[in-house]
Structure formats: C-alpha cells, structure tokens
PDB file of N, CA and C in Angstrom:
ATOM      1  N   UNK A   1      -1.899 -18.892  51.276  1.00  0.00           N
ATOM      2  CA  UNK A   1      -2.028 -19.994  50.333  1.00  0.00           C
ATOM      3  C   UNK A   1      -0.938 -19.933  49.259  1.00  0.00           C
ATOM      4  N   UNK A   2      -0.632 -18.715  48.850  1.00  0.00           N
ATOM      5  CA  UNK A   2       0.398 -18.542  47.819  1.00  0.00           C
ATOM      6  C   UNK A   2       1.749 -19.052  48.320  1.00  0.00           C
ATOM      7  N   UNK A   3       2.068 -18.765  49.582  1.00  0.00           N
ATOM      8  CA  UNK A   3       3.328 -19.230  50.164  1.00  0.00           C
ATOM      9  C   UNK A   3       3.386 -20.747  50.141  1.00  0.00           C
ATOM     10  N   UNK A   4       2.273 -21.393  50.484  1.00  0.00           N
ATOM     11  CA  UNK A   4       2.229 -22.854  50.483  1.00  0.00           C
ATOM     12  C   UNK A   4       2.431 -23.382  49.071  1.00  0.00           C
ATOM     13  N   UNK A   5       1.736 -22.794  48.091  1.00  0.00           N
ATOM     14  CA  UNK A   5       1.872 -23.256  46.699  1.00  0.00           C
ATOM     15  C   UNK A   5       3.301 -23.090  46.187  1.00  0.00           C
ATOM     16  N   UNK A   6       3.893 -21.939  46.477  1.00  0.00           N
ATOM     17  CA  UNK A   6       5.275 -21.704  46.050  1.00  0.00           C
ATOM     18  C   UNK A   6       6.219 -22.703  46.718  1.00  0.00           C
ATOM     19  N   UNK A   7       6.007 -22.915  48.017  1.00  0.00           N
ATOM     20  CA  UNK A   7       6.830 -23.874  48.748  1.00  0.00           C
ATOM     21  C   UNK A   7       6.660 -25.282  48.220  1.00  0.00           C
ATOM     22  N   UNK A   8       5.434 -25.656  47.899  1.00  0.00           N
ATOM     23  CA  UNK A   8       5.188 -27.006  47.381  1.00  0.00           C
ATOM     24  C   UNK A   8       5.823 -27.170  46.008  1.00  0.00           C
ATOM     25  N   UNK A   9       5.774 -26.137  45.191  1.00  0.00           N
ATOM     26  CA  UNK A   9       6.409 -26.209  43.866  1.00  0.00           C
ATOM     27  C   UNK A   9       7.925 -26.403  44.013  1.00  0.00           C
ATOM     28  N   UNK A  10       8.535 -25.693  44.955  1.00  0.00           N
ATOM     29  CA  UNK A  10       9.975 -25.857  45.188  1.00  0.00           C
ATOM     30  C   UNK A  10      10.293 -27.253  45.712  1.00  0.00           C
ATOM     31  N   UNK A  11       9.457 -27.747  46.617  1.00  0.00           N
ATOM     32  CA  UNK A  11       9.669 -29.098  47.146  1.00  0.00           C
ATOM     33  C   UNK A  11       9.493 -30.141  46.052  1.00  0.00           C
ATOM     34  N   UNK A  12       8.522 -29.952  45.190  1.00  0.00           N
ATOM     35  CA  UNK A  12       8.287 -30.892  44.092  1.00  0.00           C
ATOM     36  C   UNK A  12       9.474 -30.900  43.129  1.00  0.00           C
ATOM     37  N   UNK A  13      10.011 -29.725  42.819  1.00  0.00           N
ATOM     38  CA  UNK A  13      11.195 -29.648  41.952  1.00  0.00           C
ATOM     39  C   UNK A  13      12.384 -30.375  42.583  1.00  0.00           C
ATOM     40  N   UNK A  14      12.563 -30.168  43.884  1.00  0.00           N
ATOM     41  CA  UNK A  14      13.673 -30.821  44.587  1.00  0.00           C
ATOM     42  C   UNK A  14      13.503 -32.338  44.587  1.00  0.00           C
ATOM     43  N   UNK A  15      12.281 -32.805  44.823  1.00  0.00           N
ATOM     44  CA  UNK A  15      12.011 -34.245  44.826  1.00  0.00           C
ATOM     45  C   UNK A  15      12.271 -34.837  43.443  1.00  0.00           C
ATOM     46  N   UNK A  16      11.856 -34.141  42.408  1.00  0.00           N
ATOM     47  CA  UNK A  16      12.096 -34.618  41.043  1.00  0.00           C
ATOM     48  C   UNK A  16      13.587 -34.696  40.740  1.00  0.00           C
ATOM     49  N   UNK A  17      14.350 -33.707  41.185  1.00  0.00           N
ATOM     50  CA  UNK A  17      15.797 -33.719  40.981  1.00  0.00           C
ATOM     51  C   UNK A  17      16.436 -34.906  41.679  1.00  0.00           C
ATOM     52  N   UNK A  18      16.001 -35.179  42.911  1.00  0.00           N
ATOM     53  CA  UNK A  18      16.557 -36.313  43.642  1.00  0.00           C
ATOM     54  C   UNK A  18      16.149 -37.634  42.998  1.00  0.00           C
ATOM     55  N   UNK A  19      14.912 -37.726  42.533  1.00  0.00           N
ATOM     56  CA  UNK A  19      14.479 -38.949  41.828  1.00  0.00           C
ATOM     57  C   UNK A  19      15.356 -39.199  40.608  1.00  0.00           C
ATOM     58  N   UNK A  20      15.590 -38.147  39.822  1.00  0.00           N
ATOM     59  CA  UNK A  20      16.420 -38.290  38.617  1.00  0.00           C
ATOM     60  C   UNK A  20      17.841 -38.726  38.978  1.00  0.00           C
ATOM     61  N   UNK A  21      18.381 -38.174  40.053  1.00  0.00           N
ATOM     62  CA  UNK A  21      19.733 -38.553  40.486  1.00  0.00           C
ATOM     63  C   UNK A  21      19.780 -40.015  40.923  1.00  0.00           C
ATOM     64  N   UNK A  22      18.749 -40.458  41.640  1.00  0.00           N
ATOM     65  CA  UNK A  22      18.706 -41.855  42.082  1.00  0.00           C
ATOM     66  C   UNK A  22      18.571 -42.808  40.898  1.00  0.00           C
ATOM     67  N   UNK A  23      17.776 -42.432  39.923  1.00  0.00           N
ATOM     68  CA  UNK A  23      17.646 -43.251  38.710  1.00  0.00           C
ATOM     69  C   UNK A  23      18.996 -43.329  38.003  1.00  0.00           C
ATOM     70  N   UNK A  24      19.699 -42.196  37.918  1.00  0.00           N
ATOM     71  CA  UNK A  24      21.015 -42.175  37.264  1.00  0.00           C
ATOM     72  C   UNK A  24      22.019 -43.065  37.999  1.00  0.00           C
ATOM     73  N   UNK A  25      21.831 -43.217  39.312  1.00  0.00           N
ATOM     74  CA  UNK A  25      22.701 -44.104  40.085  1.00  0.00           C
ATOM     75  C   UNK A  25      22.281 -45.567  39.981  1.00  0.00           C
ATOM     76  N   UNK A  26      21.172 -45.827  39.296  1.00  0.00           N
ATOM     77  CA  UNK A  26      20.695 -47.191  39.122  1.00  0.00           C
ATOM     78  C   UNK A  26      19.835 -47.699  40.267  1.00  0.00           C
ATOM     79  N   UNK A  27      19.332 -46.792  41.094  1.00  0.00           N
ATOM     80  CA  UNK A  27      18.484 -47.190  42.222  1.00  0.00           C
ATOM     81  C   UNK A  27      17.070 -47.442  41.703  1.00  0.00           C
ATOM     82  N   UNK A  28      16.508 -48.624  41.970  1.00  0.00           N
ATOM     83  CA  UNK A  28      15.175 -48.934  41.461  1.00  0.00           C
ATOM     84  C   UNK A  28      14.080 -48.106  42.145  1.00  0.00           C
ATOM     85  N   UNK A  29      13.015 -47.863  41.415  1.00  0.00           N
ATOM     86  CA  UNK A  29      11.902 -47.051  41.917  1.00  0.00           C
ATOM     87  C   UNK A  29      11.320 -47.586  43.218  1.00  0.00           C
ATOM     88  N   UNK A  30      11.321 -48.886  43.386  1.00  0.00           N
ATOM     89  CA  UNK A  30      10.748 -49.469  44.595  1.00  0.00           C
ATOM     90  C   UNK A  30      11.436 -48.928  45.855  1.00  0.00           C
ATOM     91  N   UNK A  31      12.672 -48.498  45.737  1.00  0.00           N
ATOM     92  CA  UNK A  31      13.424 -47.982  46.884  1.00  0.00           C
ATOM     93  C   UNK A  31      12.987 -46.561  47.246  1.00  0.00           C
ATOM     94  N   UNK A  32      12.724 -45.711  46.253  1.00  0.00           N
ATOM     95  CA  UNK A  32      12.455 -44.302  46.520  1.00  0.00           C
ATOM     96  C   UNK A  32      11.020 -43.858  46.253  1.00  0.00           C
ATOM     97  N   UNK A  33      10.144 -44.760  45.896  1.00  0.00           N
ATOM     98  CA  UNK A  33       8.797 -44.334  45.511  1.00  0.00           C
ATOM     99  C   UNK A  33       7.995 -43.692  46.640  1.00  0.00           C
ATOM    100  N   UNK A  34       8.428 -43.843  47.883  1.00  0.00           N
ATOM    101  CA  UNK A  34       7.746 -43.201  48.998  1.00  0.00           C
ATOM    102  C   UNK A  34       8.167 -41.755  49.227  1.00  0.00           C
ATOM    103  N   UNK A  35       9.064 -41.241  48.375  1.00  0.00           N
ATOM    104  CA  UNK A  35       9.516 -39.859  48.509  1.00  0.00           C
ATOM    105  C   UNK A  35       8.356 -38.908  48.218  1.00  0.00           C
ATOM    106  N   UNK A  36       8.191 -37.890  49.093  1.00  0.00           N
ATOM    107  CA  UNK A  36       7.071 -36.972  48.921  1.00  0.00           C
ATOM    108  C   UNK A  36       7.491 -35.519  49.154  1.00  0.00           C
ATOM    109  N   UNK A  37       7.109 -34.648  48.215  1.00  0.00           N
ATOM    110  CA  UNK A  37       7.325 -33.222  48.471  1.00  0.00           C
ATOM    111  C   UNK A  37       6.294 -32.761  49.501  1.00  0.00           C
ATOM    112  N   UNK A  38       6.701 -31.871  50.384  1.00  0.00           N
ATOM    113  CA  UNK A  38       5.786 -31.383  51.407  1.00  0.00           C
ATOM    114  C   UNK A  38       6.210 -29.983  51.826  1.00  0.00           C
ATOM    115  N   UNK A  39       5.356 -29.342  52.610  1.00  0.00           N
ATOM    116  CA  UNK A  39       5.650 -28.007  53.121  1.00  0.00           C
ATOM    117  C   UNK A  39       5.423 -28.046  54.622  1.00  0.00           C
ATOM    118  N   UNK A  40       6.392 -27.526  55.385  1.00  0.00           N
ATOM    119  CA  UNK A  40       6.258 -27.505  56.842  1.00  0.00           C
ATOM    120  C   UNK A  40       5.170 -26.520  57.253  1.00  0.00           C
ATOM    121  N   UNK A  41       4.799 -26.567  58.508  1.00  0.00           N
ATOM    122  CA  UNK A  41       3.778 -25.652  59.036  1.00  0.00           C
ATOM    123  C   UNK A  41       4.211 -24.193  58.887  1.00  0.00           C
ATOM    124  N   UNK A  42       5.526 -23.964  58.863  1.00  0.00           N
ATOM    125  CA  UNK A  42       6.049 -22.612  58.709  1.00  0.00           C
ATOM    126  C   UNK A  42       6.177 -22.192  57.244  1.00  0.00           C
ATOM    127  N   UNK A  43       5.823 -23.100  56.326  1.00  0.00           N
ATOM    128  CA  UNK A  43       5.899 -22.799  54.904  1.00  0.00           C
ATOM    129  C   UNK A  43       7.220 -23.150  54.257  1.00  0.00           C
ATOM    130  N   UNK A  44       8.061 -23.892  54.961  1.00  0.00           N
ATOM    131  CA  UNK A  44       9.375 -24.275  54.441  1.00  0.00           C
ATOM    132  C   UNK A  44       9.253 -25.509  53.551  1.00  0.00           C
ATOM    133  N   UNK A  45       9.726 -25.445  52.287  1.00  0.00           N
ATOM    134  CA  UNK A  45       9.648 -26.596  51.394  1.00  0.00           C
ATOM    135  C   UNK A  45      10.572 -27.720  51.862  1.00  0.00           C
ATOM    136  N   UNK A  46      10.063 -28.939  51.879  1.00  0.00           N
ATOM    137  CA  UNK A  46      10.814 -30.110  52.334  1.00  0.00           C
ATOM    138  C   UNK A  46      10.535 -31.293  51.415  1.00  0.00           C
ATOM    139  N   UNK A  47      11.409 -32.285  51.496  1.00  0.00           N
ATOM    140  CA  UNK A  47      11.178 -33.552  50.803  1.00  0.00           C
ATOM    141  C   UNK A  47      11.254 -34.649  51.855  1.00  0.00           C
ATOM    142  N   UNK A  48      10.158 -35.364  52.004  1.00  0.00           N
ATOM    143  CA  UNK A  48      10.112 -36.478  52.955  1.00  0.00           C
ATOM    144  C   UNK A  48      10.631 -37.720  52.253  1.00  0.00           C
ATOM    145  N   UNK A  49      11.644 -38.342  52.864  1.00  0.00           N
ATOM    146  CA  UNK A  49      12.245 -39.537  52.280  1.00  0.00           C
ATOM    147  C   UNK A  49      11.744 -40.784  52.988  1.00  0.00           C
ATOM    148  N   UNK A  50      11.630 -41.874  52.242  1.00  0.00           N
ATOM    149  CA  UNK A  50      11.298 -43.146  52.882  1.00  0.00           C
ATOM    150  C   UNK A  50      12.539 -43.692  53.590  1.00  0.00           C
ATOM    151  N   UNK A  51      12.370 -44.751  54.321  1.00  0.00           N
ATOM    152  CA  UNK A  51      13.510 -45.440  54.923  1.00  0.00           C
ATOM    153  C   UNK A  51      14.346 -46.004  53.777  1.00  0.00           C
ATOM    154  N   UNK A  52      15.610 -45.609  53.701  1.00  0.00           N
ATOM    155  CA  UNK A  52      16.473 -46.006  52.593  1.00  0.00           C
ATOM    156  C   UNK A  52      17.478 -47.051  53.044  1.00  0.00           C
ATOM    157  N   UNK A  53      17.736 -48.047  52.190  1.00  0.00           N
ATOM    158  CA  UNK A  53      18.763 -49.044  52.515  1.00  0.00           C
ATOM    159  C   UNK A  53      20.139 -48.376  52.630  1.00  0.00           C
ATOM    160  N   UNK A  54      20.959 -48.895  53.517  1.00  0.00           N
ATOM    161  CA  UNK A  54      22.277 -48.313  53.758  1.00  0.00           C
ATOM    162  C   UNK A  54      23.128 -48.251  52.495  1.00  0.00           C
ATOM    163  N   UNK A  55      23.027 -49.248  51.616  1.00  0.00           N
ATOM    164  CA  UNK A  55      23.848 -49.220  50.403  1.00  0.00           C
ATOM    165  C   UNK A  55      23.432 -48.077  49.481  1.00  0.00           C
ATOM    166  N   UNK A  56      22.152 -47.743  49.454  1.00  0.00           N
ATOM    167  CA  UNK A  56      21.678 -46.615  48.643  1.00  0.00           C
ATOM    168  C   UNK A  56      22.193 -45.299  49.234  1.00  0.00           C
ATOM    169  N   UNK A  57      22.151 -45.176  50.544  1.00  0.00           N
ATOM    170  CA  UNK A  57      22.679 -43.971  51.192  1.00  0.00           C
ATOM    171  C   UNK A  57      24.176 -43.844  50.913  1.00  0.00           C
ATOM    172  N   UNK A  58      24.882 -44.967  50.905  1.00  0.00           N
ATOM    173  CA  UNK A  58      26.300 -44.948  50.561  1.00  0.00           C
ATOM    174  C   UNK A  58      26.533 -44.446  49.144  1.00  0.00           C
ATOM    175  N   UNK A  59      25.711 -44.911  48.194  1.00  0.00           N
ATOM    176  CA  UNK A  59      25.808 -44.439  46.804  1.00  0.00           C
ATOM    177  C   UNK A  59      25.557 -42.933  46.722  1.00  0.00           C
ATOM    178  N   UNK A  60      24.538 -42.473  47.455  1.00  0.00           N
ATOM    179  CA  UNK A  60      24.211 -41.046  47.453  1.00  0.00           C
ATOM    180  C   UNK A  60      25.384 -40.229  48.008  1.00  0.00           C
ATOM    181  N   UNK A  61      25.967 -40.700  49.098  1.00  0.00           N
ATOM    182  CA  UNK A  61      27.086 -39.984  49.713  1.00  0.00           C
ATOM    183  C   UNK A  61      28.280 -39.927  48.761  1.00  0.00           C
ATOM    184  N   UNK A  62      28.580 -41.035  48.095  1.00  0.00           N
ATOM    185  CA  UNK A  62      29.678 -41.055  47.135  1.00  0.00           C
ATOM    186  C   UNK A  62      29.431 -40.074  45.997  1.00  0.00           C
ATOM    187  N   UNK A  63      28.206 -40.062  45.479  1.00  0.00           N
ATOM    188  CA  UNK A  63      27.866 -39.162  44.370  1.00  0.00           C
ATOM    189  C   UNK A  63      27.971 -37.702  44.794  1.00  0.00           C
ATOM    190  N   UNK A  64      27.528 -37.399  45.997  1.00  0.00           N
ATOM    191  CA  UNK A  64      27.608 -36.021  46.496  1.00  0.00           C
ATOM    192  C   UNK A  64      29.068 -35.615  46.659  1.00  0.00           C
ATOM    193  N   UNK A  65      29.866 -36.500  47.226  1.00  0.00           N
ATOM    194  CA  UNK A  65      31.280 -36.215  47.450  1.00  0.00           C
ATOM    195  C   UNK A  65      32.017 -36.018  46.127  1.00  0.00           C
ATOM    196  N   UNK A  66      31.746 -36.884  45.147  1.00  0.00           N
ATOM    197  CA  UNK A  66      32.390 -36.773  43.819  1.00  0.00           C
ATOM    198  C   UNK A  66      31.964 -35.518  43.092  1.00  0.00           C
ATOM    199  N   UNK A  67      30.662 -35.219  43.177  1.00  0.00           N
ATOM    200  CA  UNK A  67      30.114 -34.138  42.372  1.00  0.00           C
ATOM    201  C   UNK A  67      30.487 -32.747  42.853  1.00  0.00           C
ATOM    202  N   UNK A  68      30.755 -32.606  44.109  1.00  0.00           N
ATOM    203  CA  UNK A  68      31.085 -31.290  44.620  1.00  0.00           C
ATOM    204  C   UNK A  68      29.891 -30.371  44.729  1.00  0.00           C
ATOM    205  N   UNK A  69      28.784 -30.728  44.093  1.00  0.00           N
ATOM    206  CA  UNK A  69      27.488 -30.042  44.169  1.00  0.00           C
ATOM    207  C   UNK A  69      27.489 -28.569  44.516  1.00  0.00           C
ATOM    208  N   UNK A  70      26.296 -28.077  44.699  1.00  0.00           N
ATOM    209  CA  UNK A  70      26.114 -26.685  45.070  1.00  0.00           C
ATOM    210  C   UNK A  70      26.237 -26.479  46.560  1.00  0.00           C
ATOM    211  N   UNK A  71      25.985 -25.274  46.979  1.00  0.00           N
ATOM    212  CA  UNK A  71      26.005 -24.960  48.399  1.00  0.00           C
ATOM    213  C   UNK A  71      24.623 -24.478  48.816  1.00  0.00           C
ATOM    214  N   UNK A  72      24.332 -24.633  50.077  1.00  0.00           N
ATOM    215  CA  UNK A  72      23.053 -24.154  50.582  1.00  0.00           C
ATOM    216  C   UNK A  72      23.045 -22.637  50.658  1.00  0.00           C
ATOM    217  N   UNK A  73      21.895 -22.052  50.431  1.00  0.00           N
ATOM    218  CA  UNK A  73      21.817 -20.573  50.500  1.00  0.00           C
ATOM    219  C   UNK A  73      22.030 -20.085  51.919  1.00  0.00           C
TER     220      UNK A  73
END
C-alpha cells in the first residue's frame, strides 16, 4: 500500500506540474481537465492524458524543445 501511495503522490505532483505548464502556455482547462494521476499495476507512477488537440501538442513540443528541460532518470 505504501508503494501505491508514494507512486500516486509522485504521479499527482507530475500532473500538477503539467497542468501549470499548460496554463502558462494559455491552454484552457477544458482541454486538459481529463488528466489523471494514476499508478500502474506494477506500482509505476503515471499521468493519464486526455485526447489532446494537435495544436496543443504542437505548443507542448515547442515549449519542451525551447526549454531544454530535464532528463529522465
């Protein structure tokens, strides 16, 4: 249970970060409100995304490319 809770907390943090980034890009809530933090059966933290319009995905890709962001562990 602890693994699930820890995983869900990490997924929730990740979802909140992505929500904040989308808001900063001017994407309305109606587009991303279906985003949900979740944990896989193996305990891996994930964020389930709704079907996103292509223009929003384009904005996300541009922001990621410009930002240089972090790297995966």
